[in-house]
Protein backbone atom coordinates (compact mmCIF):
# COMPACT_ATOMS: atom_id res chain seq x y z
CA VAL A 1 19.00 7.60 -15.43
CA ALA A 2 17.79 4.27 -16.79
CA ASP A 3 17.76 3.47 -20.49
CA ASP A 4 14.45 1.67 -20.38
CA PHE A 5 11.05 2.47 -18.91
CA LYS A 6 8.89 0.08 -16.97
CA ARG A 7 5.23 -0.06 -16.07
CA TRP A 8 4.36 -1.70 -12.76
CA ASP A 9 0.90 -3.17 -12.20
CA TRP A 10 0.91 -3.34 -8.43
CA GLN A 11 -2.27 -5.46 -8.23
CA THR A 12 -0.65 -8.34 -10.14
CA ASP A 13 2.96 -7.42 -9.29
CA GLU A 14 3.80 -7.58 -13.00
CA VAL A 15 6.57 -5.34 -14.34
CA GLU A 16 7.00 -4.85 -18.08
CA THR A 17 9.42 -2.77 -20.13
CA ILE A 18 7.34 -0.55 -22.38
CA LEU A 19 9.97 1.73 -23.95
CA THR A 20 13.71 2.15 -24.33
CA LEU A 21 15.66 5.37 -24.73
CA ASP A 22 16.31 4.46 -28.39
CA ASP A 23 12.55 4.58 -29.02
CA PHE A 24 12.65 8.29 -28.17
CA THR A 25 15.86 9.27 -29.94
CA ASN A 26 14.84 7.50 -33.16
CA LEU A 27 11.93 9.95 -33.52
CA LEU A 28 13.95 13.13 -32.97
CA THR A 29 14.26 15.72 -35.71
CA HIS A 30 17.21 17.57 -34.17
CA ASP A 31 20.69 16.82 -32.87
CA LEU A 32 21.01 16.44 -29.13
CA GLU A 33 23.01 19.09 -27.32
CA PHE A 34 23.84 16.75 -24.41
CA PRO A 35 23.20 13.19 -25.63
CA ASP A 36 24.66 11.52 -22.55
CA LEU A 37 22.22 13.42 -20.34
CA TYR A 38 19.11 12.97 -22.49
CA ARG A 39 16.45 11.62 -20.14
CA PRO A 40 12.84 12.34 -19.12
CA ALA A 41 12.69 15.36 -16.85
CA VAL A 42 9.01 14.94 -15.96
CA LEU A 43 6.36 12.26 -16.47
CA GLY A 44 2.57 12.13 -16.44
CA MET A 45 0.09 9.25 -16.62
CA SER A 46 -3.66 9.11 -17.24
CA ALA A 47 -5.92 7.77 -14.52
CA ASP A 48 -6.39 4.41 -16.25
CA GLY A 49 -2.67 3.95 -16.87
CA THR A 50 -2.92 3.75 -20.67
CA GLN A 51 -1.59 7.17 -21.76
CA PHE A 52 1.83 8.50 -20.74
CA VAL A 53 3.42 11.87 -21.43
CA PHE A 54 7.20 12.24 -21.26
CA GLY A 55 8.89 15.62 -20.96
CA MET A 56 12.51 15.20 -22.01
CA SER A 57 15.49 17.13 -20.72
CA GLU A 58 16.04 19.11 -23.94
CA GLY A 59 12.40 20.12 -24.29
CA ASP A 60 10.94 17.34 -26.46
CA VAL A 61 7.44 16.15 -25.56
CA PHE A 62 6.34 12.58 -26.29
CA VAL A 63 3.05 10.80 -25.70
CA TYR A 64 2.78 7.01 -25.50
CA ASN A 65 -0.39 4.97 -26.02
CA LEU A 66 0.14 1.68 -24.18
CA PRO A 67 -2.71 -0.43 -25.67
CA GLU A 68 -1.63 0.51 -29.19
CA ASP A 69 2.10 0.54 -28.37
CA ARG A 70 2.40 3.88 -30.16
CA LEU A 71 4.96 6.57 -29.28
CA GLU A 72 4.48 10.04 -30.82
CA LEU A 73 6.64 13.15 -30.79
CA LEU A 74 4.40 16.12 -29.98
CA ARG A 75 7.03 18.83 -29.87
CA SER A 76 10.70 19.10 -30.80
CA PRO A 77 11.87 22.66 -30.12
CA GLU A 78 14.30 24.52 -32.35
CA GLU A 79 16.15 25.66 -29.23
CA SER A 80 16.86 23.52 -26.20
CA PHE A 81 14.73 24.60 -23.24
CA TRP A 82 14.36 22.53 -20.13
CA LEU A 83 10.88 21.10 -19.77
CA THR A 84 9.94 21.77 -16.15
CA GLU A 85 6.38 20.41 -15.77
CA VAL A 86 3.79 18.29 -17.57
CA ALA A 87 0.21 17.35 -16.72
CA ILE A 88 -2.19 14.91 -18.34
CA SER A 89 -5.94 14.84 -17.78
CA ALA A 90 -7.67 11.97 -16.03
CA ASP A 91 -9.08 10.64 -19.30
CA GLY A 92 -5.71 10.93 -21.05
CA ARG A 93 -6.99 13.23 -23.81
CA THR A 94 -5.45 16.58 -22.78
CA ILE A 95 -1.78 17.35 -22.12
CA ALA A 96 -0.10 20.51 -20.83
CA ALA A 97 3.64 21.21 -20.82
CA GLY A 98 5.59 24.11 -19.35
CA PHE A 99 9.15 25.10 -20.27
CA SER A 100 12.01 27.04 -18.71
CA ASN A 101 11.55 29.86 -21.27
CA ASP A 102 7.95 30.37 -19.97
CA ASP A 103 6.26 28.69 -22.95
CA LEU A 104 3.05 26.81 -22.11
CA LEU A 105 1.51 24.38 -24.59
CA ILE A 106 -1.71 22.38 -24.46
CA TRP A 107 -2.62 19.50 -26.78
CA GLU A 108 -5.97 17.75 -27.18
CA LEU A 109 -6.65 14.35 -28.69
CA ASN A 110 -9.09 14.71 -31.61
CA GLU A 111 -10.10 11.19 -32.60
CA ASP A 112 -6.63 9.67 -33.09
CA THR A 113 -4.68 12.87 -33.68
CA TRP A 114 -3.02 15.14 -31.12
CA GLU A 115 -3.64 18.81 -31.95
CA ALA A 116 -1.86 21.80 -30.40
CA THR A 117 -4.71 23.88 -28.97
CA ILE A 118 -2.81 26.45 -26.90
CA ASN A 119 0.65 27.93 -27.47
CA THR A 120 1.22 30.84 -25.12
CA SER A 121 3.71 32.31 -22.68
CA ILE A 122 3.32 33.04 -18.97
CA GLU A 123 5.97 35.01 -17.07
CA THR A 124 6.95 32.52 -14.39
CA GLY A 125 10.59 33.49 -13.91
CA LEU A 126 12.49 30.26 -14.55
CA GLY A 127 9.73 27.98 -15.72
CA PHE A 128 6.86 26.16 -14.08
CA SER A 129 6.81 24.48 -10.68
CA GLY A 130 3.38 22.89 -10.96
CA LEU A 131 0.65 22.02 -13.46
CA ALA A 132 -2.62 20.27 -12.61
CA PHE A 133 -5.91 19.65 -14.41
CA ASN A 134 -9.24 19.24 -12.64
CA GLU A 135 -11.32 16.14 -13.33
CA ASP A 136 -12.81 17.18 -16.69
CA ALA A 137 -9.69 19.17 -17.74
CA SER A 138 -11.65 22.42 -18.03
CA VAL A 139 -9.41 24.10 -15.43
CA LEU A 140 -5.60 24.17 -15.45
CA VAL A 141 -3.72 25.36 -12.37
CA ILE A 142 -0.23 26.76 -12.93
CA GLY A 143 2.55 27.42 -10.42
CA GLY A 144 5.46 29.79 -11.09
CA ASP A 145 8.99 28.67 -10.24
CA THR A 146 10.66 31.81 -8.94
CA GLY A 147 7.82 34.30 -8.69
CA SER A 148 5.01 34.32 -6.13
CA PHE A 149 2.33 33.53 -8.69
CA VAL A 150 -0.38 30.91 -9.14
CA TRP A 151 -2.82 30.96 -12.02
CA ARG A 152 -6.23 29.29 -12.31
CA TRP A 153 -7.16 29.10 -15.95
CA GLU A 154 -10.45 28.10 -17.57
CA TRP A 155 -8.45 27.78 -20.75
CA LYS A 156 -11.27 26.65 -23.05
CA THR A 157 -13.18 29.92 -22.59
CA GLY A 158 -10.55 32.08 -24.29
CA GLN A 159 -10.33 34.31 -21.20
CA PRO A 160 -6.99 35.07 -19.49
CA PRO A 161 -6.17 33.13 -16.33
CA ASP A 162 -7.08 34.36 -12.85
CA THR A 163 -3.92 35.32 -10.96
CA LEU A 164 -3.07 35.09 -7.28
CA ILE A 165 0.01 37.07 -6.22
CA LEU A 166 1.58 36.36 -2.85
CA ASP A 167 3.44 38.85 -0.70
CA GLY A 168 7.21 38.63 -1.03
CA PHE A 169 9.41 36.49 -3.23
CA ASN A 170 8.27 32.95 -2.48
CA PRO A 171 8.53 30.28 -5.18
CA ILE A 172 5.45 28.08 -5.51
CA TRP A 173 5.58 24.29 -5.28
CA GLY A 174 3.16 21.41 -5.58
CA VAL A 175 -0.11 22.76 -6.98
CA ASP A 176 -3.37 20.80 -6.90
CA VAL A 177 -6.99 21.51 -7.86
CA SER A 178 -10.27 20.00 -6.71
CA ALA A 179 -12.34 17.84 -9.07
CA ASP A 180 -14.79 20.68 -9.80
CA GLY A 181 -11.95 23.18 -10.34
CA GLU A 182 -13.13 25.56 -7.63
CA LEU A 183 -10.42 24.98 -4.99
CA VAL A 184 -6.72 25.49 -5.65
CA ALA A 185 -4.01 24.38 -3.23
CA PHE A 186 -0.27 25.02 -3.35
CA GLY A 187 2.82 25.04 -1.18
CA SER A 188 5.48 27.70 -0.88
CA SER A 189 9.08 28.25 0.17
CA ASN A 190 7.81 30.44 3.02
CA HIS A 191 6.67 27.23 4.81
CA GLU A 192 2.95 27.89 4.35
CA VAL A 193 0.15 26.05 2.56
CA TYR A 194 -2.47 28.01 0.65
CA LEU A 195 -6.02 27.26 -0.37
CA TRP A 196 -7.70 29.57 -2.87
CA ASP A 197 -11.30 29.60 -4.08
CA GLY A 198 -10.84 32.41 -6.60
CA TYR A 199 -11.99 35.10 -4.18
CA THR A 200 -10.21 34.53 -0.88
CA ASP A 201 -7.16 32.60 0.17
CA THR A 202 -6.60 30.70 3.41
CA TYR A 203 -3.16 30.28 4.97
CA PHE A 204 -2.26 27.05 6.75
CA THR A 205 0.73 27.54 9.06
CA GLY A 206 2.58 24.69 10.74
CA HIS A 207 5.51 23.58 8.60
CA THR A 208 9.04 24.79 9.30
CA ALA A 209 10.52 24.37 5.80
CA THR A 210 9.51 24.58 2.13
CA VAL A 211 6.18 22.88 1.38
CA TYR A 212 6.92 20.85 -1.73
CA ALA A 213 3.81 18.70 -2.22
CA VAL A 214 0.08 19.29 -1.63
CA MET A 215 -3.07 17.29 -2.36
CA ILE A 216 -6.78 17.96 -1.90
CA SER A 217 -8.65 14.85 -0.76
CA PRO A 218 -11.28 13.61 -3.23
CA ASP A 219 -14.09 14.49 -0.79
CA GLU A 220 -12.61 18.02 -0.37
CA GLN A 221 -12.63 17.68 3.42
CA TYR A 222 -8.88 17.50 3.89
CA LEU A 223 -5.76 19.18 2.59
CA ILE A 224 -2.57 17.12 2.83
CA SER A 225 0.86 18.76 2.67
CA GLY A 226 4.41 17.43 2.68
CA SER A 227 7.45 19.50 3.49
CA PHE A 228 11.22 19.53 3.59
CA ASP A 229 10.78 19.52 7.38
CA GLU A 230 10.17 15.74 6.93
CA ARG A 231 6.54 15.95 8.09
CA VAL A 232 3.11 15.41 6.60
CA ILE A 233 0.24 17.55 7.92
CA ILE A 234 -3.43 16.78 7.35
CA TRP A 235 -5.56 19.93 7.55
CA ASN A 236 -9.29 20.46 7.94
CA ILE A 237 -10.27 22.53 4.91
CA GLU A 238 -13.37 23.98 6.58
CA ASN A 239 -11.66 25.56 9.61
CA GLY A 240 -7.94 25.40 8.75
CA ALA A 241 -7.02 23.28 11.76
CA ALA A 242 -4.06 20.93 11.62
CA LEU A 243 -5.74 17.62 12.42
CA TYR A 244 -2.67 15.42 12.29
CA VAL A 245 1.04 16.14 12.20
CA ILE A 246 2.89 13.04 11.03
CA PRO A 247 6.67 12.97 11.53
CA GLY A 248 8.91 10.06 10.78
CA ALA A 249 10.24 10.68 7.27
CA LYS A 250 14.01 10.37 7.05
CA ASP A 251 14.37 13.05 4.38
CA ALA A 252 12.48 15.90 2.73
CA ILE A 253 9.02 14.95 1.45
CA SER A 254 8.81 15.44 -2.30
CA ALA A 255 5.59 13.75 -3.45
CA LEU A 256 2.06 12.95 -2.27
CA ASP A 257 -0.91 11.10 -3.66
CA VAL A 258 -4.34 10.37 -2.21
CA ARG A 259 -6.64 7.52 -3.25
CA ASP A 260 -9.52 5.81 -1.47
CA GLY A 261 -8.44 6.72 2.04
CA LEU A 262 -4.75 5.97 1.46
CA ILE A 263 -2.02 8.61 1.41
CA ALA A 264 1.22 7.73 -0.37
CA VAL A 265 4.19 9.79 0.81
CA GLY A 266 7.46 9.87 -1.16
CA SER A 267 10.66 11.36 0.25
CA LEU A 268 14.08 12.18 -1.20
CA ASP A 269 15.69 9.17 0.50
CA GLY A 270 13.78 6.96 -1.94
CA LEU A 271 11.26 5.61 0.57
CA VAL A 272 7.50 5.47 0.17
CA ARG A 273 5.19 5.39 3.18
CA ILE A 274 1.51 4.46 3.05
CA LEU A 275 -0.84 6.16 5.55
CA ARG A 276 -4.40 4.95 5.93
CA LEU A 277 -6.92 7.72 6.58
CA ARG A 278 -10.02 6.15 8.10
CA ASN A 279 -12.86 7.86 10.00
CA GLY A 280 -10.89 11.10 10.07
CA GLY A 281 -7.77 9.57 11.61
CA ILE A 282 -4.56 7.78 10.76
CA THR A 283 -5.19 4.15 11.71
CA ALA A 284 -2.13 2.54 10.16
CA GLU A 285 1.24 3.49 8.76
CA TYR A 286 3.57 1.32 6.71
CA GLU A 287 6.98 2.01 5.28
CA LEU A 288 7.95 0.50 1.94
CA THR A 289 11.69 -0.04 1.61
CA ASP A 290 11.61 -2.46 -1.31
CA PHE A 291 9.25 -3.55 -4.07
CA PRO A 292 6.28 -5.08 -2.25
CA THR A 293 4.38 -8.17 -3.31
CA LEU A 294 0.59 -8.10 -3.45
CA SER A 295 -1.98 -10.79 -3.89
CA ALA A 296 -3.97 -10.77 -7.13
CA ASP A 297 -7.00 -9.21 -5.41
CA GLY A 298 -4.84 -6.51 -3.80
CA GLN A 299 -5.94 -7.40 -0.26
CA TYR A 300 -2.74 -8.98 1.06
CA PHE A 301 0.56 -7.22 1.01
CA ILE A 302 3.94 -8.79 1.90
CA LEU A 303 6.29 -6.24 3.40
CA GLU A 304 9.67 -7.60 4.56
CA ASN A 305 8.65 -10.04 7.33
CA GLU A 306 5.00 -9.01 7.63
CA LEU A 307 1.81 -10.05 5.87
CA LEU A 308 -0.65 -7.15 5.85
CA ASN A 309 -4.40 -7.27 5.17
CA TRP A 310 -5.36 -3.83 3.82
CA SER A 311 -9.06 -4.27 4.62
CA THR A 312 -8.66 -5.09 8.32
CA ASP A 313 -5.18 -3.66 9.09
CA GLU A 314 -4.31 -7.11 10.47
CA VAL A 315 -0.56 -7.76 10.42
CA ILE A 316 0.80 -11.32 10.59
CA GLN A 317 4.45 -11.66 11.56
CA LEU A 318 6.46 -14.08 9.40
CA ASP A 319 9.50 -15.96 10.67
CA SER A 320 11.58 -14.58 7.83
CA PRO A 321 11.02 -12.51 4.71
CA TYR A 322 11.44 -15.67 2.61
CA ASN A 323 8.55 -17.69 4.15
């Protein structure tokens, strides 16, 4: 609900305001239906942190180029439809957006101009619950909000998407796709995690509430899931075994990310936990309750009254958080 938007470089601990809400509204070509509630509904960022896509509450889509300080309006709908999901490719040159009226749009960056490549409709029910590109953006994975549907789409081929239909009425949450686009993972309100290779699907059972977030590890050995049962489970993709069940969250888990052996876990109480996955096991766990401070090289991390060395897991106790 903020009126400005900040970019945090965690390696240098620098925070800068990059946009204000006025920057968005000044570009609009229509009157706002609910101006006091006009905010980003969803946000995406390229892997290098230079391209941002904002999906606004009344259906407008903006893209922001940070190095050039350029904000562009990609879509301003004639009717107000809630924008439910966006995705941006790793290289920041492809954007997908899904709306509550089942519209799905894809834009590509051609030199310096964004061009609408795809404008289609997919019957999701009440919009999209997940969008994810693979590494080269040749595959888009789509989750349906109220129906038991997931689509894997090689959208550049002109062929229709492959569809997986689950038994029963189980909304899909938290889709992810492997770098090569062959594996698709998603969570469901029936408490299960699914992995699909286009031919067969594997069920991972162990959660006791809706699975809201899933991630495939970069090496494709592990599947990580977070649930409203306040637990994270790390699964072995090859045999489906639950390797580690990690309790301890104080609220439903709503977001996951995996990078270089670290798992970031976000929950609805506003906390972020960092789990270190090393040699197939969890060797350290840290809870972030405030903005942390990192050294310039990213090796040392001050957390309340502890000094943490990420490389060695060494923790030095400080007399007070102000030392």
